[in-house]
Protein backbone atom coordinates (compact mmCIF):
# COMPACT_ATOMS: atom_id res chain seq x y z
CA MET A 1 -28.25 -45.89 -18.68
CA LYS A 2 -30.85 -46.82 -16.05
CA VAL A 3 -33.49 -44.75 -14.28
CA TYR A 4 -34.72 -45.68 -10.80
CA GLU A 5 -38.14 -44.43 -9.72
CA GLY A 6 -39.44 -44.50 -6.17
CA ASN A 7 -38.13 -43.56 -2.75
CA ILE A 8 -34.60 -42.29 -3.34
CA ILE A 9 -32.89 -41.09 -0.17
CA SER A 10 -29.86 -38.87 -0.74
CA CYS A 11 -28.37 -38.79 2.79
CA ASP A 12 -27.38 -35.16 2.18
CA SER A 13 -27.30 -32.58 5.00
CA LYS A 14 -31.07 -32.00 4.63
CA ASN A 15 -31.89 -35.71 4.38
CA SER A 16 -33.59 -35.04 1.04
CA ALA A 17 -35.63 -37.68 -0.76
CA TYR A 18 -36.28 -37.71 -4.51
CA ARG A 19 -38.44 -39.56 -7.02
CA TYR A 20 -35.87 -40.25 -9.78
CA LEU A 21 -32.23 -41.22 -10.07
CA ALA A 22 -30.54 -41.71 -13.44
CA GLU A 23 -27.20 -43.52 -13.59
CA ASP A 24 -24.86 -44.47 -16.39
CA ASN A 25 -22.00 -46.95 -15.83
CA GLY A 26 -22.07 -46.34 -12.08
CA ILE A 27 -22.13 -42.54 -12.36
CA ILE A 28 -25.17 -40.64 -11.11
CA LYS A 29 -26.29 -38.35 -13.93
CA PHE A 30 -29.49 -36.97 -12.38
CA LEU A 31 -31.28 -36.85 -9.04
CA GLY A 32 -34.64 -35.08 -8.71
CA ASP A 33 -38.42 -35.16 -8.73
CA VAL A 34 -39.07 -34.39 -12.41
CA LEU A 35 -37.27 -36.63 -14.90
CA PRO A 36 -35.67 -34.63 -17.75
CA GLU A 37 -36.79 -35.65 -21.22
CA LYS A 38 -33.32 -36.90 -22.23
CA TYR A 39 -33.65 -39.74 -19.68
CA THR A 40 -37.20 -40.85 -20.52
CA GLY A 41 -36.02 -43.46 -23.05
CA ALA A 42 -33.70 -45.21 -20.57
CA ASP A 43 -34.51 -48.56 -18.93
CA LYS A 44 -36.66 -47.80 -15.90
CA LEU A 45 -36.75 -49.75 -12.65
CA SER A 46 -39.63 -49.09 -10.28
CA LEU A 47 -38.61 -49.49 -6.64
CA GLY A 48 -42.14 -50.13 -5.44
CA GLU A 49 -42.13 -50.41 -1.64
CA LYS A 50 -38.31 -50.43 -1.54
CA ALA A 51 -35.96 -47.48 -1.14
CA LEU A 52 -32.66 -46.58 -2.79
CA LEU A 53 -29.94 -45.02 -0.66
CA PRO A 54 -26.15 -44.63 -0.76
CA SER A 55 -24.18 -47.70 0.23
CA PHE A 56 -22.54 -47.78 3.61
CA ALA A 57 -19.10 -48.45 2.14
CA ASP A 58 -15.99 -47.62 4.11
CA THR A 59 -13.70 -46.08 1.50
CA HIS A 60 -10.97 -44.85 3.82
CA LEU A 61 -7.32 -45.45 2.99
CA HIS A 62 -4.37 -45.62 5.39
CA PHE A 63 -2.15 -43.46 3.21
CA SER A 64 1.12 -43.93 5.09
CA SER A 65 0.54 -47.68 5.47
CA TYR A 66 -0.30 -48.04 1.80
CA SER A 67 2.83 -46.08 0.91
CA LEU A 68 4.87 -48.40 3.10
CA PHE A 69 3.28 -51.60 1.78
CA SER A 70 3.68 -50.48 -1.83
CA SER A 71 7.43 -50.12 -1.27
CA THR A 72 7.69 -53.79 -0.23
CA LEU A 73 7.20 -57.06 -2.09
CA ASP A 74 3.60 -57.49 -3.29
CA VAL A 75 2.68 -61.20 -3.14
CA ARG A 76 -1.05 -60.89 -3.84
CA SER A 77 -0.69 -62.57 -7.24
CA ALA A 78 0.92 -65.76 -5.83
CA ARG A 79 -1.44 -68.67 -6.55
CA ASN A 80 0.40 -71.25 -4.43
CA PHE A 81 3.32 -71.50 -2.02
CA LYS A 82 5.75 -72.38 -4.81
CA GLU A 83 4.97 -69.11 -6.59
CA LEU A 84 5.30 -67.33 -3.24
CA LYS A 85 8.74 -68.89 -2.79
CA ASP A 86 9.84 -67.87 -6.28
CA MET A 87 8.68 -64.29 -5.70
CA ILE A 88 10.46 -63.98 -2.35
CA ASN A 89 13.71 -65.53 -3.58
CA SER A 90 13.75 -63.32 -6.67
CA TYR A 91 13.03 -60.21 -4.60
CA SER A 92 15.68 -61.07 -1.99
CA LYS A 93 18.44 -60.88 -4.60
CA ASN A 94 17.83 -57.18 -5.18
CA ILE A 95 17.48 -55.73 -1.67
CA LYS A 96 20.09 -54.33 0.68
CA GLU A 97 18.07 -54.53 3.89
CA ASP A 98 18.77 -57.32 6.34
CA PHE A 99 15.07 -58.26 6.47
CA ILE A 100 12.18 -58.67 4.03
CA LEU A 101 8.75 -57.09 4.32
CA ALA A 102 6.03 -58.27 1.96
CA PHE A 103 2.34 -57.54 1.56
CA GLY A 104 -0.69 -59.54 0.45
CA ALA A 105 -0.73 -62.92 2.22
CA SER A 106 -4.11 -64.60 1.83
CA ALA A 107 -5.72 -67.98 2.35
CA HIS A 108 -8.24 -67.24 -0.40
CA ASN A 109 -5.91 -66.86 -3.40
CA VAL A 110 -3.66 -69.87 -2.95
CA GLU A 111 -4.24 -73.50 -3.92
CA GLU A 112 -3.31 -74.64 -0.40
CA LYS A 113 -6.40 -72.77 0.95
CA HIS A 114 -4.75 -71.70 4.18
CA LEU A 115 -2.57 -68.84 5.32
CA VAL A 116 1.08 -69.81 5.05
CA LEU A 117 2.45 -71.00 8.41
CA ARG A 118 5.80 -70.34 10.10
CA GLU A 119 7.21 -73.80 9.26
CA GLU A 120 6.19 -73.37 5.62
CA LEU A 121 7.72 -69.89 5.53
CA ASP A 122 10.95 -71.29 6.97
CA GLU A 123 11.05 -73.75 4.06
CA ILE A 124 10.22 -71.00 1.57
CA TYR A 125 12.82 -68.53 2.85
CA SER A 126 15.07 -68.64 5.90
CA GLU A 127 18.09 -66.47 5.07
CA LYS A 128 16.71 -63.26 6.58
CA PRO A 129 13.79 -62.28 8.84
CA LEU A 130 10.60 -62.27 6.76
CA MET A 131 7.24 -60.67 7.56
CA ILE A 132 4.33 -60.93 5.14
CA ILE A 133 1.49 -58.60 6.02
CA LYS A 134 -1.93 -60.03 5.31
CA TYR A 135 -3.94 -58.53 2.43
CA ASP A 136 -6.31 -56.78 4.86
CA GLY A 137 -3.46 -55.03 6.69
CA HIS A 138 -4.52 -56.36 10.10
CA ALA A 139 -2.30 -59.42 10.61
CA SER A 140 0.97 -60.91 9.44
CA VAL A 141 2.77 -64.22 9.02
CA ASN A 142 6.43 -64.48 9.96
CA ASN A 143 9.31 -66.88 9.59
CA SER A 144 11.30 -68.02 12.62
CA LYS A 145 14.07 -65.46 12.06
CA MET A 146 11.54 -62.62 12.15
CA LEU A 147 9.95 -63.93 15.35
CA ALA A 148 13.41 -64.16 16.95
CA LEU A 149 14.13 -60.56 15.94
CA LEU A 150 11.10 -59.15 17.74
CA PRO A 151 11.61 -57.71 21.24
CA ASP A 152 10.44 -59.80 24.20
CA PHE A 153 7.58 -57.46 25.06
CA ILE A 154 5.92 -58.19 21.71
CA THR A 155 6.02 -61.95 22.31
CA LYS A 156 3.91 -61.44 25.44
CA LEU A 157 1.17 -59.44 23.75
CA ARG A 158 -2.25 -60.75 22.78
CA GLY A 159 -2.19 -62.08 19.23
CA PHE A 160 1.38 -63.44 19.25
CA HIS A 161 1.27 -67.04 17.95
CA LYS A 162 4.76 -68.49 17.87
CA GLU A 163 3.70 -71.91 16.61
CA THR A 164 1.99 -70.63 13.46
CA GLY A 165 4.07 -67.47 13.08
CA GLN A 166 0.87 -65.46 12.81
CA LEU A 167 0.54 -62.12 14.55
CA ASN A 168 -2.72 -60.29 15.04
CA GLN A 169 -4.32 -57.90 17.52
CA GLU A 170 -1.83 -55.97 19.71
CA ALA A 171 1.13 -58.16 18.76
CA TYR A 172 0.66 -57.43 15.06
CA PHE A 173 0.51 -53.66 15.50
CA ALA A 174 3.51 -53.60 17.85
CA ALA A 175 5.57 -55.82 15.51
CA THR A 176 4.61 -53.72 12.49
CA ASP A 177 5.59 -50.52 14.32
CA PHE A 178 8.88 -52.12 15.32
CA MET A 179 9.70 -53.25 11.78
CA THR A 180 8.55 -50.16 9.92
CA LYS A 181 10.99 -48.07 11.95
CA LYS A 182 13.69 -50.03 10.14
CA VAL A 183 12.38 -49.01 6.71
CA SER A 184 14.05 -46.05 5.05
CA SER A 185 12.02 -42.88 5.68
CA ILE A 186 13.17 -41.58 2.31
CA ASN A 187 11.59 -44.57 0.54
CA ILE A 188 8.31 -44.09 2.41
CA VAL A 189 8.19 -40.37 1.53
CA LYS A 190 9.00 -41.17 -2.12
CA ASN A 191 6.09 -43.60 -2.22
CA MET A 192 3.78 -41.08 -0.56
CA LEU A 193 4.65 -38.54 -3.24
CA LYS A 194 4.23 -41.15 -5.95
CA TRP A 195 0.74 -42.16 -4.76
CA HIS A 196 -0.25 -38.55 -4.08
CA ARG A 197 0.57 -37.68 -7.71
CA PHE A 198 -1.32 -40.76 -8.91
CA TYR A 199 -4.50 -40.15 -6.89
CA GLY A 200 -4.19 -36.40 -6.19
């Protein structure tokens, strides 16, 4: 339990400011000008000339995208390209689709310290078209078979990088739209219902 004393701005509809805020394990227990007796024994932090206000955190969630990504192969736990290869090859044995979608590519989590490139993906897996969506959901890396599968108009869009196999900007969104139309709508709806029950 911690009590903050000073300028505490609530950002509510009236733009109210208070003198005290009590929190316990990240949960606000009290907000007001007169501190209740039950909080007087808590550690107190004086804000002095500073102010306390809600964080400007963007907590939005792309529900349909998350439902789609959660129905694909999650590679976020791969710590190097060998683990990535093992995950993809294991996953490929159990799918009926003639392509593979995966989610979670990152340069930060792997020993190689760079986003996997097209040539490396071709060595990792080349039997079917493969698209790995980056962990932030705003770019992808693709093997040569996936790039060859994409319509010509996508290859001319900004963000199409044939050499590296990386797609971002307009090319990424167009390629993702193109590929997600090939995913079973029933599977996407099942995942939506699953996540709705989990979070709802």
